[in-house]
Full PDB file with SEQRES, HELIX, SHEET, SSBOND, CRYST1, ORIGX, SCALE, CONECT and MASTER records, all heavy atoms in Angstrom:
SEQRES   1 A   35  GLY HIS SER ASP ALA ASP VAL LEU LEU HIS ALA ILE THR          
SEQRES   2 A   35  GLU ALA ILE ILE GLY ALA MET ALA MET GLY ASP ILE GLY          
SEQRES   3 A   35  HIS PHE PHE PRO ASP ASN ASP PRO LYS                          
HELIX    1 AA1 VAL A    7  ALA A   19  1                                  13    
HELIX    2 AA2 ILE A   25  PHE A   28  1                                   4    
CRYST1    1.000    1.000    1.000  90.00  90.00  90.00 P 1           1          
ORIGX1      1.000000  0.000000  0.000000        0.00000                         
ORIGX2      0.000000  1.000000  0.000000        0.00000                         
ORIGX3      0.000000  0.000000  1.000000        0.00000                         
SCALE1      1.000000  0.000000  0.000000        0.00000                         
SCALE2      0.000000  1.000000  0.000000        0.00000                         
SCALE3      0.000000  0.000000  1.000000        0.00000                         
ATOM      1  N   GLY A   1      -0.661   9.784   8.342  1.00  0.00           N  
ATOM      2  CA  GLY A   1      -1.076   8.444   7.958  1.00  0.00           C  
ATOM      3  C   GLY A   1      -0.488   7.440   8.932  1.00  0.00           C  
ATOM      4  O   GLY A   1       0.285   7.765   9.826  1.00  0.00           O  
ATOM      5  N   HIS A   2      -0.824   6.172   8.748  1.00  0.00           N  
ATOM      6  CA  HIS A   2      -0.318   5.090   9.577  1.00  0.00           C  
ATOM      7  C   HIS A   2       1.155   4.911   9.320  1.00  0.00           C  
ATOM      8  O   HIS A   2       1.916   4.703  10.302  1.00  0.00           O  
ATOM      9  CB  HIS A   2      -1.102   3.781   9.339  1.00  0.00           C  
ATOM     10  CG  HIS A   2      -0.681   2.673  10.165  1.00  0.00           C  
ATOM     11  ND1 HIS A   2      -1.002   2.667  11.567  1.00  0.00           N  
ATOM     12  CD2 HIS A   2       0.039   1.520   9.960  1.00  0.00           C  
ATOM     13  CE1 HIS A   2      -0.508   1.570  12.090  1.00  0.00           C  
ATOM     14  NE2 HIS A   2       0.085   0.845  11.187  1.00  0.00           N  
ATOM     15  N   SER A   3       1.596   4.973   8.106  1.00  0.00           N  
ATOM     16  CA  SER A   3       2.981   4.931   7.754  1.00  0.00           C  
ATOM     17  C   SER A   3       3.521   6.369   7.680  1.00  0.00           C  
ATOM     18  O   SER A   3       2.969   7.242   8.374  1.00  0.00           O  
ATOM     19  CB  SER A   3       3.204   4.234   6.411  1.00  0.00           C  
ATOM     20  OG  SER A   3       2.655   5.060   5.370  1.00  0.00           O  
ATOM     21  N   ASP A   4       4.526   6.615   6.899  1.00  0.00           N  
ATOM     22  CA  ASP A   4       4.996   8.007   6.731  1.00  0.00           C  
ATOM     23  C   ASP A   4       4.120   8.822   5.819  1.00  0.00           C  
ATOM     24  O   ASP A   4       4.354   9.995   5.592  1.00  0.00           O  
ATOM     25  CB  ASP A   4       6.475   8.031   6.270  1.00  0.00           C  
ATOM     26  CG  ASP A   4       6.694   7.458   4.903  1.00  0.00           C  
ATOM     27  OD1 ASP A   4       5.713   7.150   4.167  1.00  0.00           O  
ATOM     28  OD2 ASP A   4       7.859   7.286   4.455  1.00  0.00           O  
ATOM     29  N   ALA A   5       3.092   8.197   5.239  1.00  0.00           N  
ATOM     30  CA  ALA A   5       2.054   8.857   4.434  1.00  0.00           C  
ATOM     31  C   ALA A   5       2.538   9.419   3.084  1.00  0.00           C  
ATOM     32  O   ALA A   5       1.981  10.385   2.571  1.00  0.00           O  
ATOM     33  CB  ALA A   5       1.319   9.891   5.260  1.00  0.00           C  
ATOM     34  N   ASP A   6       3.597   8.828   2.546  1.00  0.00           N  
ATOM     35  CA  ASP A   6       4.154   9.331   1.272  1.00  0.00           C  
ATOM     36  C   ASP A   6       3.220   8.949   0.193  1.00  0.00           C  
ATOM     37  O   ASP A   6       3.250   7.802  -0.326  1.00  0.00           O  
ATOM     38  CB  ASP A   6       5.519   8.701   1.059  1.00  0.00           C  
ATOM     39  CG  ASP A   6       6.284   9.231  -0.149  1.00  0.00           C  
ATOM     40  OD1 ASP A   6       5.608   9.539  -1.152  1.00  0.00           O  
ATOM     41  OD2 ASP A   6       7.497   9.297  -0.084  1.00  0.00           O  
ATOM     42  N   VAL A   7       2.339   9.839  -0.248  1.00  0.00           N  
ATOM     43  CA  VAL A   7       1.319   9.587  -1.188  1.00  0.00           C  
ATOM     44  C   VAL A   7       1.846   9.092  -2.544  1.00  0.00           C  
ATOM     45  O   VAL A   7       1.241   8.256  -3.187  1.00  0.00           O  
ATOM     46  CB  VAL A   7       0.325  10.788  -1.427  1.00  0.00           C  
ATOM     47  CG1 VAL A   7      -0.492  11.044  -0.182  1.00  0.00           C  
ATOM     48  CG2 VAL A   7       1.079  12.017  -1.879  1.00  0.00           C  
ATOM     49  N   LEU A   8       2.965   9.654  -3.006  1.00  0.00           N  
ATOM     50  CA  LEU A   8       3.524   9.207  -4.263  1.00  0.00           C  
ATOM     51  C   LEU A   8       3.977   7.736  -4.229  1.00  0.00           C  
ATOM     52  O   LEU A   8       3.654   6.981  -5.072  1.00  0.00           O  
ATOM     53  CB  LEU A   8       4.673  10.140  -4.681  1.00  0.00           C  
ATOM     54  CG  LEU A   8       5.283   9.763  -6.045  1.00  0.00           C  
ATOM     55  CD1 LEU A   8       4.277   9.812  -7.186  1.00  0.00           C  
ATOM     56  CD2 LEU A   8       6.507  10.634  -6.353  1.00  0.00           C  
ATOM     57  N   LEU A   9       4.763   7.462  -3.191  1.00  0.00           N  
ATOM     58  CA  LEU A   9       5.242   6.044  -3.123  1.00  0.00           C  
ATOM     59  C   LEU A   9       4.074   5.067  -2.899  1.00  0.00           C  
ATOM     60  O   LEU A   9       4.094   3.966  -3.410  1.00  0.00           O  
ATOM     61  CB  LEU A   9       6.276   5.884  -2.005  1.00  0.00           C  
ATOM     62  CG  LEU A   9       7.587   6.594  -2.263  1.00  0.00           C  
ATOM     63  CD1 LEU A   9       8.633   6.159  -1.238  1.00  0.00           C  
ATOM     64  CD2 LEU A   9       8.150   6.376  -3.655  1.00  0.00           C  
ATOM     65  N   HIS A  10       3.042   5.518  -2.173  1.00  0.00           N  
ATOM     66  CA  HIS A  10       1.881   4.620  -1.980  1.00  0.00           C  
ATOM     67  C   HIS A  10       1.163   4.404  -3.305  1.00  0.00           C  
ATOM     68  O   HIS A  10       0.777   3.268  -3.594  1.00  0.00           O  
ATOM     69  CB  HIS A  10       0.921   5.283  -0.986  1.00  0.00           C  
ATOM     70  CG  HIS A  10       1.419   5.226   0.420  1.00  0.00           C  
ATOM     71  ND1 HIS A  10       0.640   5.711   1.427  1.00  0.00           N  
ATOM     72  CD2 HIS A  10       2.579   4.863   0.969  1.00  0.00           C  
ATOM     73  CE1 HIS A  10       1.328   5.605   2.613  1.00  0.00           C  
ATOM     74  NE2 HIS A  10       2.497   5.097   2.319  1.00  0.00           N  
ATOM     75  N   ALA A  11       1.023   5.427  -4.102  1.00  0.00           N  
ATOM     76  CA  ALA A  11       0.359   5.285  -5.422  1.00  0.00           C  
ATOM     77  C   ALA A  11       1.130   4.356  -6.307  1.00  0.00           C  
ATOM     78  O   ALA A  11       0.557   3.499  -6.973  1.00  0.00           O  
ATOM     79  CB  ALA A  11       0.107   6.635  -6.066  1.00  0.00           C  
ATOM     80  N   ILE A  12       2.453   4.541  -6.358  1.00  0.00           N  
ATOM     81  CA  ILE A  12       3.292   3.664  -7.207  1.00  0.00           C  
ATOM     82  C   ILE A  12       3.243   2.246  -6.710  1.00  0.00           C  
ATOM     83  O   ILE A  12       3.106   1.313  -7.507  1.00  0.00           O  
ATOM     84  CB  ILE A  12       4.755   4.231  -7.234  1.00  0.00           C  
ATOM     85  CG1 ILE A  12       4.780   5.545  -8.007  1.00  0.00           C  
ATOM     86  CG2 ILE A  12       5.700   3.216  -7.857  1.00  0.00           C  
ATOM     87  CD1 ILE A  12       6.088   6.293  -7.905  1.00  0.00           C  
ATOM     88  N   THR A  13       3.357   2.071  -5.371  1.00  0.00           N  
ATOM     89  CA  THR A  13       3.368   0.706  -4.842  1.00  0.00           C  
ATOM     90  C   THR A  13       2.065   0.006  -5.179  1.00  0.00           C  
ATOM     91  O   THR A  13       2.050  -1.161  -5.587  1.00  0.00           O  
ATOM     92  CB  THR A  13       3.533   0.764  -3.282  1.00  0.00           C  
ATOM     93  OG1 THR A  13       4.781   1.379  -3.023  1.00  0.00           O  
ATOM     94  CG2 THR A  13       3.460  -0.599  -2.650  1.00  0.00           C  
ATOM     95  N   GLU A  14       0.920   0.690  -4.972  1.00  0.00           N  
ATOM     96  CA  GLU A  14      -0.385   0.093  -5.215  1.00  0.00           C  
ATOM     97  C   GLU A  14      -0.600  -0.157  -6.726  1.00  0.00           C  
ATOM     98  O   GLU A  14      -1.268  -1.145  -7.111  1.00  0.00           O  
ATOM     99  CB  GLU A  14      -1.494   0.896  -4.613  1.00  0.00           C  
ATOM    100  CG  GLU A  14      -2.825   0.181  -4.642  1.00  0.00           C  
ATOM    101  CD  GLU A  14      -3.843   0.816  -3.820  1.00  0.00           C  
ATOM    102  OE1 GLU A  14      -4.330   1.925  -4.218  1.00  0.00           O  
ATOM    103  OE2 GLU A  14      -4.177   0.279  -2.770  1.00  0.00           O  
ATOM    104  N   ALA A  15      -0.076   0.685  -7.594  1.00  0.00           N  
ATOM    105  CA  ALA A  15      -0.218   0.461  -9.011  1.00  0.00           C  
ATOM    106  C   ALA A  15       0.514  -0.820  -9.451  1.00  0.00           C  
ATOM    107  O   ALA A  15      -0.007  -1.556 -10.263  1.00  0.00           O  
ATOM    108  CB  ALA A  15       0.305   1.692  -9.784  1.00  0.00           C  
ATOM    109  N   ILE A  16       1.632  -1.091  -8.881  1.00  0.00           N  
ATOM    110  CA  ILE A  16       2.375  -2.322  -9.151  1.00  0.00           C  
ATOM    111  C   ILE A  16       1.573  -3.511  -8.650  1.00  0.00           C  
ATOM    112  O   ILE A  16       1.411  -4.504  -9.346  1.00  0.00           O  
ATOM    113  CB  ILE A  16       3.780  -2.259  -8.503  1.00  0.00           C  
ATOM    114  CG1 ILE A  16       4.662  -1.197  -9.164  1.00  0.00           C  
ATOM    115  CG2 ILE A  16       4.462  -3.636  -8.627  1.00  0.00           C  
ATOM    116  CD1 ILE A  16       5.884  -0.856  -8.391  1.00  0.00           C  
ATOM    117  N   ILE A  17       1.034  -3.415  -7.454  1.00  0.00           N  
ATOM    118  CA  ILE A  17       0.178  -4.494  -6.884  1.00  0.00           C  
ATOM    119  C   ILE A  17      -0.987  -4.722  -7.781  1.00  0.00           C  
ATOM    120  O   ILE A  17      -1.363  -5.839  -8.145  1.00  0.00           O  
ATOM    121  CB  ILE A  17      -0.283  -4.124  -5.443  1.00  0.00           C  
ATOM    122  CG1 ILE A  17       0.919  -4.111  -4.483  1.00  0.00           C  
ATOM    123  CG2 ILE A  17      -1.343  -5.092  -4.955  1.00  0.00           C  
ATOM    124  CD1 ILE A  17       0.610  -3.483  -3.152  1.00  0.00           C  
ATOM    125  N   GLY A  18      -1.634  -3.660  -8.249  1.00  0.00           N  
ATOM    126  CA  GLY A  18      -2.811  -3.732  -9.130  1.00  0.00           C  
ATOM    127  C   GLY A  18      -2.472  -4.373 -10.460  1.00  0.00           C  
ATOM    128  O   GLY A  18      -3.249  -5.193 -10.995  1.00  0.00           O  
ATOM    129  N   ALA A  19      -1.313  -4.011 -11.040  1.00  0.00           N  
ATOM    130  CA  ALA A  19      -0.935  -4.602 -12.311  1.00  0.00           C  
ATOM    131  C   ALA A  19      -0.751  -6.109 -12.211  1.00  0.00           C  
ATOM    132  O   ALA A  19      -0.964  -6.859 -13.154  1.00  0.00           O  
ATOM    133  CB  ALA A  19       0.380  -3.979 -12.836  1.00  0.00           C  
ATOM    134  N   MET A  20      -0.370  -6.621 -11.019  1.00  0.00           N  
ATOM    135  CA  MET A  20      -0.183  -8.037 -10.818  1.00  0.00           C  
ATOM    136  C   MET A  20      -1.528  -8.704 -10.375  1.00  0.00           C  
ATOM    137  O   MET A  20      -1.537  -9.904 -10.139  1.00  0.00           O  
ATOM    138  CB  MET A  20       0.880  -8.324  -9.726  1.00  0.00           C  
ATOM    139  CG  MET A  20       2.254  -7.877 -10.129  1.00  0.00           C  
ATOM    140  SD  MET A  20       3.512  -8.323  -8.886  1.00  0.00           S  
ATOM    141  CE  MET A  20       3.074  -7.390  -7.456  1.00  0.00           C  
ATOM    142  N   ALA A  21      -2.601  -7.898 -10.285  1.00  0.00           N  
ATOM    143  CA  ALA A  21      -3.897  -8.377  -9.791  1.00  0.00           C  
ATOM    144  C   ALA A  21      -3.858  -9.059  -8.424  1.00  0.00           C  
ATOM    145  O   ALA A  21      -4.377 -10.089  -8.168  1.00  0.00           O  
ATOM    146  CB  ALA A  21      -4.500  -9.326 -10.860  1.00  0.00           C  
ATOM    147  N   MET A  22      -3.105  -8.362  -7.497  1.00  0.00           N  
ATOM    148  CA  MET A  22      -2.887  -8.902  -6.179  1.00  0.00           C  
ATOM    149  C   MET A  22      -3.549  -8.053  -5.080  1.00  0.00           C  
ATOM    150  O   MET A  22      -3.107  -8.003  -3.972  1.00  0.00           O  
ATOM    151  CB  MET A  22      -1.428  -9.071  -5.902  1.00  0.00           C  
ATOM    152  CG  MET A  22      -0.756 -10.130  -6.716  1.00  0.00           C  
ATOM    153  SD  MET A  22       0.990 -10.350  -6.159  1.00  0.00           S  
ATOM    154  CE  MET A  22       1.372 -11.813  -7.084  1.00  0.00           C  
ATOM    155  N   GLY A  23      -4.583  -7.314  -5.448  1.00  0.00           N  
ATOM    156  CA  GLY A  23      -5.328  -6.551  -4.433  1.00  0.00           C  
ATOM    157  C   GLY A  23      -4.862  -5.134  -4.330  1.00  0.00           C  
ATOM    158  O   GLY A  23      -4.617  -4.463  -5.399  1.00  0.00           O  
ATOM    159  N   ASP A  24      -4.665  -4.669  -3.121  1.00  0.00           N  
ATOM    160  CA  ASP A  24      -4.276  -3.268  -2.921  1.00  0.00           C  
ATOM    161  C   ASP A  24      -3.218  -3.197  -1.797  1.00  0.00           C  
ATOM    162  O   ASP A  24      -2.818  -4.198  -1.187  1.00  0.00           O  
ATOM    163  CB  ASP A  24      -5.500  -2.434  -2.541  1.00  0.00           C  
ATOM    164  CG  ASP A  24      -6.233  -2.892  -1.342  1.00  0.00           C  
ATOM    165  OD1 ASP A  24      -5.595  -3.460  -0.386  1.00  0.00           O  
ATOM    166  OD2 ASP A  24      -7.431  -2.677  -1.270  1.00  0.00           O  
ATOM    167  N   ILE A  25      -2.771  -1.974  -1.528  1.00  0.00           N  
ATOM    168  CA  ILE A  25      -1.671  -1.746  -0.589  1.00  0.00           C  
ATOM    169  C   ILE A  25      -2.101  -2.163   0.858  1.00  0.00           C  
ATOM    170  O   ILE A  25      -1.276  -2.664   1.597  1.00  0.00           O  
ATOM    171  CB  ILE A  25      -1.206  -0.286  -0.645  1.00  0.00           C  
ATOM    172  CG1 ILE A  25       0.183  -0.154   0.059  1.00  0.00           C  
ATOM    173  CG2 ILE A  25      -2.214   0.683  -0.097  1.00  0.00           C  
ATOM    174  CD1 ILE A  25       0.855   1.177  -0.275  1.00  0.00           C  
ATOM    175  N   GLY A  26      -3.379  -1.986   1.185  1.00  0.00           N  
ATOM    176  CA  GLY A  26      -3.887  -2.380   2.449  1.00  0.00           C  
ATOM    177  C   GLY A  26      -3.858  -3.879   2.700  1.00  0.00           C  
ATOM    178  O   GLY A  26      -3.730  -4.369   3.815  1.00  0.00           O  
ATOM    179  N   HIS A  27      -3.977  -4.681   1.636  1.00  0.00           N  
ATOM    180  CA  HIS A  27      -3.850  -6.111   1.701  1.00  0.00           C  
ATOM    181  C   HIS A  27      -2.417  -6.506   2.090  1.00  0.00           C  
ATOM    182  O   HIS A  27      -2.226  -7.402   2.960  1.00  0.00           O  
ATOM    183  CB  HIS A  27      -4.213  -6.722   0.372  1.00  0.00           C  
ATOM    184  CG  HIS A  27      -3.939  -8.243   0.281  1.00  0.00           C  
ATOM    185  ND1 HIS A  27      -4.809  -9.134   0.890  1.00  0.00           N  
ATOM    186  CD2 HIS A  27      -2.974  -8.890  -0.287  1.00  0.00           C  
ATOM    187  CE1 HIS A  27      -4.267 -10.356   0.652  1.00  0.00           C  
ATOM    188  NE2 HIS A  27      -3.165 -10.224  -0.070  1.00  0.00           N  
ATOM    189  N   PHE A  28      -1.433  -5.868   1.533  1.00  0.00           N  
ATOM    190  CA  PHE A  28      -0.039  -6.167   1.806  1.00  0.00           C  
ATOM    191  C   PHE A  28       0.413  -5.557   3.142  1.00  0.00           C  
ATOM    192  O   PHE A  28       1.190  -6.163   3.854  1.00  0.00           O  
ATOM    193  CB  PHE A  28       0.868  -5.615   0.698  1.00  0.00           C  
ATOM    194  CG  PHE A  28       0.967  -6.527  -0.491  1.00  0.00           C  
ATOM    195  CD1 PHE A  28      -0.045  -6.592  -1.443  1.00  0.00           C  
ATOM    196  CD2 PHE A  28       2.127  -7.274  -0.671  1.00  0.00           C  
ATOM    197  CE1 PHE A  28       0.075  -7.429  -2.500  1.00  0.00           C  
ATOM    198  CE2 PHE A  28       2.213  -8.133  -1.769  1.00  0.00           C  
ATOM    199  CZ  PHE A  28       1.194  -8.199  -2.721  1.00  0.00           C  
ATOM    200  N   PHE A  29      -0.038  -4.333   3.426  1.00  0.00           N  
ATOM    201  CA  PHE A  29       0.425  -3.591   4.598  1.00  0.00           C  
ATOM    202  C   PHE A  29      -0.740  -2.996   5.375  1.00  0.00           C  
ATOM    203  O   PHE A  29      -1.008  -1.806   5.262  1.00  0.00           O  
ATOM    204  CB  PHE A  29       1.377  -2.463   4.149  1.00  0.00           C  
ATOM    205  CG  PHE A  29       2.456  -2.920   3.152  1.00  0.00           C  
ATOM    206  CD1 PHE A  29       2.388  -2.568   1.853  1.00  0.00           C  
ATOM    207  CD2 PHE A  29       3.490  -3.774   3.558  1.00  0.00           C  
ATOM    208  CE1 PHE A  29       3.314  -2.998   0.945  1.00  0.00           C  
ATOM    209  CE2 PHE A  29       4.462  -4.181   2.695  1.00  0.00           C  
ATOM    210  CZ  PHE A  29       4.376  -3.803   1.369  1.00  0.00           C  
ATOM    211  N   PRO A  30      -1.491  -3.813   6.080  1.00  0.00           N  
ATOM    212  CA  PRO A  30      -2.687  -3.321   6.797  1.00  0.00           C  
ATOM    213  C   PRO A  30      -2.376  -2.203   7.803  1.00  0.00           C  
ATOM    214  O   PRO A  30      -1.425  -2.237   8.485  1.00  0.00           O  
ATOM    215  CB  PRO A  30      -3.190  -4.582   7.568  1.00  0.00           C  
ATOM    216  CG  PRO A  30      -2.410  -5.754   7.090  1.00  0.00           C  
ATOM    217  CD  PRO A  30      -1.197  -5.253   6.427  1.00  0.00           C  
ATOM    218  N   ASP A  31      -3.299  -1.192   7.733  1.00  0.00           N  
ATOM    219  CA  ASP A  31      -3.055  -0.064   8.606  1.00  0.00           C  
ATOM    220  C   ASP A  31      -3.408  -0.325  10.106  1.00  0.00           C  
ATOM    221  O   ASP A  31      -3.226   0.524  10.953  1.00  0.00           O  
ATOM    222  CB  ASP A  31      -3.796   1.207   8.116  1.00  0.00           C  
ATOM    223  CG  ASP A  31      -5.317   1.038   8.091  1.00  0.00           C  
ATOM    224  OD1 ASP A  31      -5.816   0.025   8.611  1.00  0.00           O  
ATOM    225  OD2 ASP A  31      -5.957   2.000   7.670  1.00  0.00           O  
ATOM    226  N   ASN A  32      -3.874  -1.546  10.390  1.00  0.00           N  
ATOM    227  CA  ASN A  32      -4.088  -1.912  11.788  1.00  0.00           C  
ATOM    228  C   ASN A  32      -2.974  -2.783  12.315  1.00  0.00           C  
ATOM    229  O   ASN A  32      -3.008  -3.288  13.435  1.00  0.00           O  
ATOM    230  CB  ASN A  32      -5.435  -2.603  11.940  1.00  0.00           C  
ATOM    231  CG  ASN A  32      -5.562  -3.882  11.097  1.00  0.00           C  
ATOM    232  OD1 ASN A  32      -4.658  -4.267  10.377  1.00  0.00           O  
ATOM    233  ND2 ASN A  32      -6.715  -4.521  11.218  1.00  0.00           N  
ATOM    234  N   ASP A  33      -1.927  -2.966  11.515  1.00  0.00           N  
ATOM    235  CA  ASP A  33      -0.752  -3.752  11.958  1.00  0.00           C  
ATOM    236  C   ASP A  33       0.328  -2.794  12.502  1.00  0.00           C  
ATOM    237  O   ASP A  33       0.829  -1.943  11.814  1.00  0.00           O  
ATOM    238  CB  ASP A  33      -0.169  -4.514  10.762  1.00  0.00           C  
ATOM    239  CG  ASP A  33       0.939  -5.503  11.136  1.00  0.00           C  
ATOM    240  OD1 ASP A  33       1.581  -5.269  12.166  1.00  0.00           O  
ATOM    241  OD2 ASP A  33       1.095  -6.493  10.411  1.00  0.00           O  
ATOM    242  N   PRO A  34       0.602  -2.923  13.812  1.00  0.00           N  
ATOM    243  CA  PRO A  34       1.502  -1.996  14.456  1.00  0.00           C  
ATOM    244  C   PRO A  34       2.950  -1.941  13.803  1.00  0.00           C  
ATOM    245  O   PRO A  34       3.653  -0.981  13.941  1.00  0.00           O  
ATOM    246  CB  PRO A  34       1.603  -2.456  15.922  1.00  0.00           C  
ATOM    247  CG  PRO A  34       0.760  -3.646  16.012  1.00  0.00           C  
ATOM    248  CD  PRO A  34       0.091  -3.913  14.730  1.00  0.00           C  
ATOM    249  N   LYS A  35       3.347  -3.014  13.126  1.00  0.00           N  
ATOM    250  CA  LYS A  35       4.694  -3.003  12.572  1.00  0.00           C  
ATOM    251  C   LYS A  35       4.817  -2.012  11.446  1.00  0.00           C  
ATOM    252  O   LYS A  35       5.979  -1.686  11.048  1.00  0.00           O  
ATOM    253  CB  LYS A  35       5.112  -4.419  12.142  1.00  0.00           C  
ATOM    254  CG  LYS A  35       4.546  -4.946  10.880  1.00  0.00           C  
ATOM    255  CD  LYS A  35       5.117  -6.327  10.593  1.00  0.00           C  
ATOM    256  CE  LYS A  35       4.542  -6.949   9.359  1.00  0.00           C  
ATOM    257  NZ  LYS A  35       5.050  -8.297   9.090  1.00  0.00           N  
TER     258      LYS A  35                                                      
MASTER        0    0    0    2    0    0    0    6  257    1    0    3          
END                                                                             
C-alpha cells in the first residue's frame, strides 16, 4: 500500500472518521500525498 498497509488500523481509523461523518481515510490521508 501507499502507507504501511496495516488493514486493521486503516479499518479502525476510517470507522472513527465515519462515525464523526467526516468522510473517509483517503480524505484525511490522500494516497497521492508523498508525506
